[in-house]
PDB file of N, CA and C in Angstrom:
ATOM      1  N   MET A   1     -21.179  13.722 114.921  1.00  0.00           N
ATOM      2  CA  MET A   1     -21.267  15.169 114.868  1.00  0.00           C
ATOM      3  C   MET A   1     -22.538  15.628 115.577  1.00  0.00           C
ATOM      4  N   THR A   2     -22.397  16.574 116.489  1.00  0.00           N
ATOM      5  CA  THR A   2     -23.559  17.073 117.216  1.00  0.00           C
ATOM      6  C   THR A   2     -24.239  18.163 116.422  1.00  0.00           C
ATOM      7  N   SER A   3     -25.537  18.280 116.598  1.00  0.00           N
ATOM      8  CA  SER A   3     -26.264  19.322 115.886  1.00  0.00           C
ATOM      9  C   SER A   3     -26.017  20.672 116.548  1.00  0.00           C
ATOM     10  N   ILE A   4     -26.321  21.729 115.845  1.00  0.00           N
ATOM     11  CA  ILE A   4     -26.050  23.080 116.330  1.00  0.00           C
ATOM     12  C   ILE A   4     -26.801  23.387 117.615  1.00  0.00           C
ATOM     13  N   ARG A   5     -28.011  22.895 117.753  1.00  0.00           N
ATOM     14  CA  ARG A   5     -28.782  23.249 118.939  1.00  0.00           C
ATOM     15  C   ARG A   5     -28.182  22.660 120.202  1.00  0.00           C
ATOM     16  N   HIS A   6     -27.456  21.561 120.095  1.00  0.00           N
ATOM     17  CA  HIS A   6     -26.835  20.970 121.273  1.00  0.00           C
ATOM     18  C   HIS A   6     -25.506  21.648 121.601  1.00  0.00           C
ATOM     19  N   ARG A   7     -24.901  22.307 120.640  1.00  0.00           N
ATOM     20  CA  ARG A   7     -23.653  23.028 120.884  1.00  0.00           C
ATOM     21  C   ARG A   7     -23.907  24.415 121.440  1.00  0.00           C
ATOM     22  N   VAL A   8     -24.985  25.055 121.022  1.00  0.00           N
ATOM     23  CA  VAL A   8     -25.207  26.466 121.315  1.00  0.00           C
ATOM     24  C   VAL A   8     -25.919  26.678 122.642  1.00  0.00           C
ATOM     25  N   ILE A   9     -27.081  26.090 122.827  1.00  0.00           N
ATOM     26  CA  ILE A   9     -27.879  26.310 124.036  1.00  0.00           C
ATOM     27  C   ILE A   9     -27.402  25.341 125.114  1.00  0.00           C
ATOM     28  N   LEU A  10     -26.916  25.891 126.226  1.00  0.00           N
ATOM     29  CA  LEU A  10     -26.462  25.039 127.319  1.00  0.00           C
ATOM     30  C   LEU A  10     -27.612  24.724 128.276  1.00  0.00           C
ATOM     31  N   HIS A  11     -28.309  25.765 128.766  1.00  0.00           N
ATOM     32  CA  HIS A  11     -29.478  25.559 129.626  1.00  0.00           C
ATOM     33  C   HIS A  11     -30.202  26.888 129.817  1.00  0.00           C
ATOM     34  N   ALA A  12     -31.419  26.800 130.355  1.00  0.00           N
ATOM     35  CA  ALA A  12     -32.198  28.008 130.637  1.00  0.00           C
ATOM     36  C   ALA A  12     -31.588  28.730 131.839  1.00  0.00           C
ATOM     37  N   TYR A  13     -31.692  30.046 131.849  1.00  0.00           N
ATOM     38  CA  TYR A  13     -31.156  30.875 132.924  1.00  0.00           C
ATOM     39  C   TYR A  13     -32.349  31.465 133.672  1.00  0.00           C
ATOM     40  N   VAL A  14     -32.530  31.059 134.928  1.00  0.00           N
ATOM     41  CA  VAL A  14     -33.728  31.427 135.677  1.00  0.00           C
ATOM     42  C   VAL A  14     -33.355  32.322 136.853  1.00  0.00           C
ATOM     43  N   THR A  15     -33.869  33.551 136.818  1.00  0.00           N
ATOM     44  CA  THR A  15     -33.751  34.502 137.918  1.00  0.00           C
ATOM     45  C   THR A  15     -35.113  35.172 138.081  1.00  0.00           C
ATOM     46  N   GLU A  16     -35.251  35.998 139.113  1.00  0.00           N
ATOM     47  CA  GLU A  16     -36.515  36.724 139.282  1.00  0.00           C
ATOM     48  C   GLU A  16     -36.773  37.640 138.092  1.00  0.00           C
ATOM     49  N   LYS A  17     -35.733  38.310 137.636  1.00  0.00           N
ATOM     50  CA  LYS A  17     -35.885  39.211 136.499  1.00  0.00           C
ATOM     51  C   LYS A  17     -36.279  38.431 135.238  1.00  0.00           C
ATOM     52  N   ALA A  18     -35.660  37.282 135.037  1.00  0.00           N
ATOM     53  CA  ALA A  18     -35.988  36.463 133.872  1.00  0.00           C
ATOM     54  C   ALA A  18     -37.438  35.982 133.928  1.00  0.00           C
ATOM     55  N   MET A  19     -37.908  35.622 135.117  1.00  0.00           N
ATOM     56  CA  MET A  19     -39.301  35.183 135.259  1.00  0.00           C
ATOM     57  C   MET A  19     -40.266  36.341 134.984  1.00  0.00           C
ATOM     58  N   ASP A  20     -39.921  37.542 135.439  1.00  0.00           N
ATOM     59  CA  ASP A  20     -40.747  38.719 135.190  1.00  0.00           C
ATOM     60  C   ASP A  20     -40.796  39.027 133.692  1.00  0.00           C
ATOM     61  N   GLU A  21     -39.642  38.951 133.004  1.00  0.00           N
ATOM     62  CA  GLU A  21     -39.608  39.186 131.565  1.00  0.00           C
ATOM     63  C   GLU A  21     -40.406  38.131 130.807  1.00  0.00           C
ATOM     64  N   MET A  22     -40.404  36.906 131.313  1.00  0.00           N
ATOM     65  CA  MET A  22     -41.168  35.845 130.661  1.00  0.00           C
ATOM     66  C   MET A  22     -42.654  36.172 130.703  1.00  0.00           C
ATOM     67  N   GLU A  23     -43.143  36.637 131.841  1.00  0.00           N
ATOM     68  CA  GLU A  23     -44.561  36.932 131.983  1.00  0.00           C
ATOM     69  C   GLU A  23     -44.973  38.212 131.269  1.00  0.00           C
ATOM     70  N   ARG A  24     -44.169  39.261 131.369  1.00  0.00           N
ATOM     71  CA  ARG A  24     -44.566  40.575 130.862  1.00  0.00           C
ATOM     72  C   ARG A  24     -44.150  40.854 129.422  1.00  0.00           C
ATOM     73  N   GLN A  25     -42.981  40.316 129.007  1.00  0.00           N
ATOM     74  CA  GLN A  25     -42.431  40.702 127.705  1.00  0.00           C
ATOM     75  C   GLN A  25     -42.225  39.535 126.740  1.00  0.00           C
ATOM     76  N   ASN A  26     -42.692  38.337 127.115  1.00  0.00           N
ATOM     77  CA  ASN A  26     -42.580  37.170 126.254  1.00  0.00           C
ATOM     78  C   ASN A  26     -41.124  36.833 125.907  1.00  0.00           C
ATOM     79  N   LYS A  27     -40.242  36.845 126.943  1.00  0.00           N
ATOM     80  CA  LYS A  27     -38.817  36.579 126.765  1.00  0.00           C
ATOM     81  C   LYS A  27     -38.374  35.426 127.653  1.00  0.00           C
ATOM     82  N   LEU A  28     -37.324  34.735 127.205  1.00  0.00           N
ATOM     83  CA  LEU A  28     -36.630  33.731 128.009  1.00  0.00           C
ATOM     84  C   LEU A  28     -35.140  33.996 127.918  1.00  0.00           C
ATOM     85  N   GLU A  29     -34.403  33.581 128.950  1.00  0.00           N
ATOM     86  CA  GLU A  29     -32.950  33.723 128.945  1.00  0.00           C
ATOM     87  C   GLU A  29     -32.316  32.338 128.948  1.00  0.00           C
ATOM     88  N   PHE A  30     -31.237  32.209 128.178  1.00  0.00           N
ATOM     89  CA  PHE A  30     -30.497  30.960 128.078  1.00  0.00           C
ATOM     90  C   PHE A  30     -29.013  31.231 128.255  1.00  0.00           C
ATOM     91  N   VAL A  31     -28.321  30.307 128.922  1.00  0.00           N
ATOM     92  CA  VAL A  31     -26.865  30.328 128.938  1.00  0.00           C
ATOM     93  C   VAL A  31     -26.440  29.639 127.650  1.00  0.00           C
ATOM     94  N   VAL A  32     -25.581  30.317 126.886  1.00  0.00           N
ATOM     95  CA  VAL A  32     -25.182  29.795 125.579  1.00  0.00           C
ATOM     96  C   VAL A  32     -23.657  29.684 125.505  1.00  0.00           C
ATOM     97  N   ASP A  33     -23.200  28.985 124.494  1.00  0.00           N
ATOM     98  CA  ASP A  33     -21.765  28.834 124.258  1.00  0.00           C
ATOM     99  C   ASP A  33     -21.140  30.199 123.993  1.00  0.00           C
ATOM    100  N   ASP A  34     -19.946  30.415 124.515  1.00  0.00           N
ATOM    101  CA  ASP A  34     -19.267  31.711 124.377  1.00  0.00           C
ATOM    102  C   ASP A  34     -18.980  32.082 122.927  1.00  0.00           C
ATOM    103  N   ARG A  35     -18.859  31.106 122.059  1.00  0.00           N
ATOM    104  CA  ARG A  35     -18.526  31.377 120.656  1.00  0.00           C
ATOM    105  C   ARG A  35     -19.746  31.561 119.769  1.00  0.00           C
ATOM    106  N   ALA A  36     -20.948  31.379 120.313  1.00  0.00           N
ATOM    107  CA  ALA A  36     -22.179  31.431 119.519  1.00  0.00           C
ATOM    108  C   ALA A  36     -22.515  32.860 119.096  1.00  0.00           C
ATOM    109  N   THR A  37     -22.972  33.001 117.869  1.00  0.00           N
ATOM    110  CA  THR A  37     -23.417  34.298 117.366  1.00  0.00           C
ATOM    111  C   THR A  37     -24.921  34.415 117.555  1.00  0.00           C
ATOM    112  N   ARG A  38     -25.453  35.627 117.354  1.00  0.00           N
ATOM    113  CA  ARG A  38     -26.901  35.831 117.469  1.00  0.00           C
ATOM    114  C   ARG A  38     -27.670  34.963 116.485  1.00  0.00           C
ATOM    115  N   ALA A  39     -27.175  34.863 115.268  1.00  0.00           N
ATOM    116  CA  ALA A  39     -27.849  34.060 114.245  1.00  0.00           C
ATOM    117  C   ALA A  39     -27.868  32.583 114.634  1.00  0.00           C
ATOM    118  N   GLU A  40     -26.773  32.073 115.180  1.00  0.00           N
ATOM    119  CA  GLU A  40     -26.731  30.677 115.610  1.00  0.00           C
ATOM    120  C   GLU A  40     -27.678  30.434 116.779  1.00  0.00           C
ATOM    121  N   ILE A  41     -27.748  31.398 117.706  1.00  0.00           N
ATOM    122  CA  ILE A  41     -28.655  31.274 118.850  1.00  0.00           C
ATOM    123  C   ILE A  41     -30.093  31.251 118.361  1.00  0.00           C
ATOM    124  N   ARG A  42     -30.443  32.163 117.463  1.00  0.00           N
ATOM    125  CA  ARG A  42     -31.794  32.224 116.897  1.00  0.00           C
ATOM    126  C   ARG A  42     -32.168  30.893 116.247  1.00  0.00           C
ATOM    127  N   ARG A  43     -31.291  30.371 115.403  1.00  0.00           N
ATOM    128  CA  ARG A  43     -31.563  29.132 114.689  1.00  0.00           C
ATOM    129  C   ARG A  43     -31.690  27.951 115.660  1.00  0.00           C
ATOM    130  N   ALA A  44     -30.834  27.900 116.669  1.00  0.00           N
ATOM    131  CA  ALA A  44     -30.876  26.803 117.634  1.00  0.00           C
ATOM    132  C   ALA A  44     -32.170  26.825 118.452  1.00  0.00           C
ATOM    133  N   VAL A  45     -32.607  28.009 118.881  1.00  0.00           N
ATOM    134  CA  VAL A  45     -33.853  28.111 119.655  1.00  0.00           C
ATOM    135  C   VAL A  45     -35.043  27.745 118.780  1.00  0.00           C
ATOM    136  N   GLU A  46     -35.080  28.235 117.557  1.00  0.00           N
ATOM    137  CA  GLU A  46     -36.195  27.926 116.659  1.00  0.00           C
ATOM    138  C   GLU A  46     -36.266  26.437 116.347  1.00  0.00           C
ATOM    139  N   GLU A  47     -35.121  25.788 116.149  1.00  0.00           N
ATOM    140  CA  GLU A  47     -35.115  24.351 115.846  1.00  0.00           C
ATOM    141  C   GLU A  47     -35.473  23.525 117.074  1.00  0.00           C
ATOM    142  N   THR A  48     -34.974  23.916 118.235  1.00  0.00           N
ATOM    143  CA  THR A  48     -35.198  23.131 119.444  1.00  0.00           C
ATOM    144  C   THR A  48     -36.642  23.198 119.912  1.00  0.00           C
ATOM    145  N   TYR A  49     -37.235  24.393 119.907  1.00  0.00           N
ATOM    146  CA  TYR A  49     -38.568  24.581 120.488  1.00  0.00           C
ATOM    147  C   TYR A  49     -39.664  24.809 119.448  1.00  0.00           C
ATOM    148  N   GLN A  50     -39.369  24.649 118.162  1.00  0.00           N
ATOM    149  CA  GLN A  50     -40.339  24.815 117.074  1.00  0.00           C
ATOM    150  C   GLN A  50     -41.160  26.089 117.250  1.00  0.00           C
ATOM    151  N   CYS A  51     -40.472  27.217 117.268  1.00  0.00           N
ATOM    152  CA  CYS A  51     -41.111  28.511 117.471  1.00  0.00           C
ATOM    153  C   CYS A  51     -40.459  29.541 116.560  1.00  0.00           C
ATOM    154  N   LYS A  52     -40.946  30.762 116.620  1.00  0.00           N
ATOM    155  CA  LYS A  52     -40.397  31.868 115.847  1.00  0.00           C
ATOM    156  C   LYS A  52     -39.799  32.884 116.819  1.00  0.00           C
ATOM    157  N   VAL A  53     -38.539  33.237 116.632  1.00  0.00           N
ATOM    158  CA  VAL A  53     -37.845  34.200 117.483  1.00  0.00           C
ATOM    159  C   VAL A  53     -37.950  35.580 116.852  1.00  0.00           C
ATOM    160  N   ALA A  54     -38.363  36.575 117.647  1.00  0.00           N
ATOM    161  CA  ALA A  54     -38.468  37.944 117.152  1.00  0.00           C
ATOM    162  C   ALA A  54     -37.144  38.679 117.288  1.00  0.00           C
ATOM    163  N   LYS A  55     -36.426  38.464 118.407  1.00  0.00           N
ATOM    164  CA  LYS A  55     -35.195  39.211 118.642  1.00  0.00           C
ATOM    165  C   LYS A  55     -34.301  38.456 119.617  1.00  0.00           C
ATOM    166  N   VAL A  56     -32.985  38.606 119.443  1.00  0.00           N
ATOM    167  CA  VAL A  56     -32.009  38.003 120.349  1.00  0.00           C
ATOM    168  C   VAL A  56     -31.068  39.096 120.840  1.00  0.00           C
ATOM    169  N   ASN A  57     -30.963  39.229 122.155  1.00  0.00           N
ATOM    170  CA  ASN A  57     -29.984  40.117 122.777  1.00  0.00           C
ATOM    171  C   ASN A  57     -28.995  39.251 123.538  1.00  0.00           C
ATOM    172  N   VAL A  58     -27.725  39.659 123.539  1.00  0.00           N
ATOM    173  CA  VAL A  58     -26.686  38.868 124.185  1.00  0.00           C
ATOM    174  C   VAL A  58     -25.936  39.750 125.172  1.00  0.00           C
ATOM    175  N   LYS A  59     -25.673  39.187 126.350  1.00  0.00           N
ATOM    176  CA  LYS A  59     -24.820  39.885 127.313  1.00  0.00           C
ATOM    177  C   LYS A  59     -23.754  38.920 127.791  1.00  0.00           C
ATOM    178  N   ILE A  60     -22.565  39.470 128.010  1.00  0.00           N
ATOM    179  CA  ILE A  60     -21.453  38.663 128.468  1.00  0.00           C
ATOM    180  C   ILE A  60     -21.208  38.999 129.929  1.00  0.00           C
ATOM    181  N   VAL A  61     -21.224  37.969 130.767  1.00  0.00           N
ATOM    182  CA  VAL A  61     -20.994  38.115 132.205  1.00  0.00           C
ATOM    183  C   VAL A  61     -19.782  37.273 132.581  1.00  0.00           C
ATOM    184  N   GLN A  62     -19.370  37.350 133.829  1.00  0.00           N
ATOM    185  CA  GLN A  62     -18.179  36.620 134.261  1.00  0.00           C
ATOM    186  C   GLN A  62     -18.312  35.118 134.054  1.00  0.00           C
ATOM    187  N   THR A  63     -19.510  34.607 134.236  1.00  0.00           N
ATOM    188  CA  THR A  63     -19.703  33.161 134.126  1.00  0.00           C
ATOM    189  C   THR A  63     -19.917  32.683 132.698  1.00  0.00           C
ATOM    190  N   GLY A  64     -20.050  33.586 131.732  1.00  0.00           N
ATOM    191  CA  GLY A  64     -20.239  33.179 130.340  1.00  0.00           C
ATOM    192  C   GLY A  64     -21.115  34.137 129.570  1.00  0.00           C
ATOM    193  N   LYS A  65     -21.867  33.597 128.635  1.00  0.00           N
ATOM    194  CA  LYS A  65     -22.698  34.396 127.739  1.00  0.00           C
ATOM    195  C   LYS A  65     -24.162  34.040 127.962  1.00  0.00           C
ATOM    196  N   ILE A  66     -25.006  35.071 128.114  1.00  0.00           N
ATOM    197  CA  ILE A  66     -26.429  34.872 128.338  1.00  0.00           C
ATOM    198  C   ILE A  66     -27.200  35.533 127.208  1.00  0.00           C
ATOM    199  N   ALA A  67     -28.094  34.771 126.593  1.00  0.00           N
ATOM    200  CA  ALA A  67     -28.911  35.278 125.498  1.00  0.00           C
ATOM    201  C   ALA A  67     -30.336  35.485 125.994  1.00  0.00           C
ATOM    202  N   THR A  68     -30.865  36.676 125.745  1.00  0.00           N
ATOM    203  CA  THR A  68     -32.265  36.964 126.028  1.00  0.00           C
ATOM    204  C   THR A  68     -33.008  36.881 124.705  1.00  0.00           C
ATOM    205  N   VAL A  69     -33.979  35.975 124.644  1.00  0.00           N
ATOM    206  CA  VAL A  69     -34.694  35.696 123.401  1.00  0.00           C
ATOM    207  C   VAL A  69     -36.139  36.144 123.547  1.00  0.00           C
ATOM    208  N   ARG A  70     -36.572  37.026 122.635  1.00  0.00           N
ATOM    209  CA  ARG A  70     -37.978  37.434 122.591  1.00  0.00           C
ATOM    210  C   ARG A  70     -38.654  36.642 121.489  1.00  0.00           C
ATOM    211  N   PHE A  71     -39.796  36.061 121.832  1.00  0.00           N
ATOM    212  CA  PHE A  71     -40.526  35.235 120.880  1.00  0.00           C
ATOM    213  C   PHE A  71     -41.586  36.051 120.160  1.00  0.00           C
ATOM    214  N   ALA A  72     -41.974  35.577 118.974  1.00  0.00           N
ATOM    215  CA  ALA A  72     -43.044  36.214 118.212  1.00  0.00           C
ATOM    216  C   ALA A  72     -44.339  36.131 119.017  1.00  0.00           C
ATOM    217  N   LYS A  73     -45.265  37.053 118.739  1.00  0.00           N
ATOM    218  CA  LYS A  73     -46.504  37.160 119.519  1.00  0.00           C
ATOM    219  C   LYS A  73     -47.325  35.878 119.550  1.00  0.00           C
ATOM    220  N   GLU A  74     -47.262  35.088 118.492  1.00  0.00           N
ATOM    221  CA  GLU A  74     -48.089  33.882 118.453  1.00  0.00           C
ATOM    222  C   GLU A  74     -47.539  32.729 119.303  1.00  0.00           C
ATOM    223  N   TYR A  75     -46.352  32.898 119.880  1.00  0.00           N
ATOM    224  CA  TYR A  75     -45.760  31.879 120.738  1.00  0.00           C
ATOM    225  C   TYR A  75     -45.648  32.417 122.161  1.00  0.00           C
ATOM    226  N   SER A  76     -45.905  31.555 123.133  1.00  0.00           N
ATOM    227  CA  SER A  76     -45.877  31.944 124.532  1.00  0.00           C
ATOM    228  C   SER A  76     -44.552  31.521 125.170  1.00  0.00           C
ATOM    229  N   ALA A  77     -43.868  32.475 125.803  1.00  0.00           N
ATOM    230  CA  ALA A  77     -42.612  32.165 126.487  1.00  0.00           C
ATOM    231  C   ALA A  77     -42.846  31.209 127.645  1.00  0.00           C
ATOM    232  N   GLU A  78     -44.014  31.273 128.262  1.00  0.00           N
ATOM    233  CA  GLU A  78     -44.319  30.365 129.372  1.00  0.00           C
ATOM    234  C   GLU A  78     -44.414  28.920 128.886  1.00  0.00           C
ATOM    235  N   ASP A  79     -45.045  28.698 127.737  1.00  0.00           N
ATOM    236  CA  ASP A  79     -45.137  27.344 127.176  1.00  0.00           C
ATOM    237  C   ASP A  79     -43.755  26.824 126.790  1.00  0.00           C
ATOM    238  N   ILE A  80     -42.973  27.674 126.149  1.00  0.00           N
ATOM    239  CA  ILE A  80     -41.626  27.274 125.736  1.00  0.00           C
ATOM    240  C   ILE A  80     -40.748  27.070 126.968  1.00  0.00           C
ATOM    241  N   GLY A  81     -40.929  27.896 127.987  1.00  0.00           N
ATOM    242  CA  GLY A  81     -40.173  27.750 129.225  1.00  0.00           C
ATOM    243  C   GLY A  81     -40.463  26.444 129.926  1.00  0.00           C
ATOM    244  N   SER A  82     -41.697  25.992 129.867  1.00  0.00           N
ATOM    245  CA  SER A  82     -42.021  24.701 130.490  1.00  0.00           C
ATOM    246  C   SER A  82     -41.339  23.561 129.750  1.00  0.00           C
ATOM    247  N   ARG A  83     -41.207  23.683 128.427  1.00  0.00           N
ATOM    248  CA  ARG A  83     -40.479  22.664 127.662  1.00  0.00           C
ATOM    249  C   ARG A  83     -38.989  22.734 127.894  1.00  0.00           C
ATOM    250  N   ALA A  84     -38.482  23.958 128.219  1.00  0.00           N
ATOM    251  CA  ALA A  84     -37.050  24.155 128.451  1.00  0.00           C
ATOM    252  C   ALA A  84     -36.625  23.763 129.860  1.00  0.00           C
ATOM    253  N   GLY A  85     -37.595  23.477 130.727  1.00  0.00           N
ATOM    254  CA  GLY A  85     -37.258  23.064 132.082  1.00  0.00           C
ATOM    255  C   GLY A  85     -37.166  24.197 133.071  1.00  0.00           C
ATOM    256  N   VAL A  86     -37.801  25.328 132.775  1.00  0.00           N
ATOM    257  CA  VAL A  86     -37.781  26.467 133.689  1.00  0.00           C
ATOM    258  C   VAL A  86     -38.627  26.183 134.920  1.00  0.00           C
ATOM    259  N   PHE A  87     -39.754  25.500 134.737  1.00  0.00           N
ATOM    260  CA  PHE A  87     -40.662  25.232 135.858  1.00  0.00           C
ATOM    261  C   PHE A  87     -40.363  23.885 136.469  1.00  0.00           C
TER     262      PHE A  87
END
């Protein structure tokens, strides 16, 4: 049985806008499973990167589902992004 974090988060989503949000607003974007809920995404990100999530926004695009995750002030999106393979 796979853990929830391996089912929900597929990979980081890197665009110019995502990089700008990472620097200015402490956010990262992830491609997630189409069936994942906001609560599951929050729990998977917190378990995977040992951080605190402040807010999760989800958008559905043609290629799937993208979650924008804002981290609590005490955690840096740049540090978490380096662990997620953004850089």
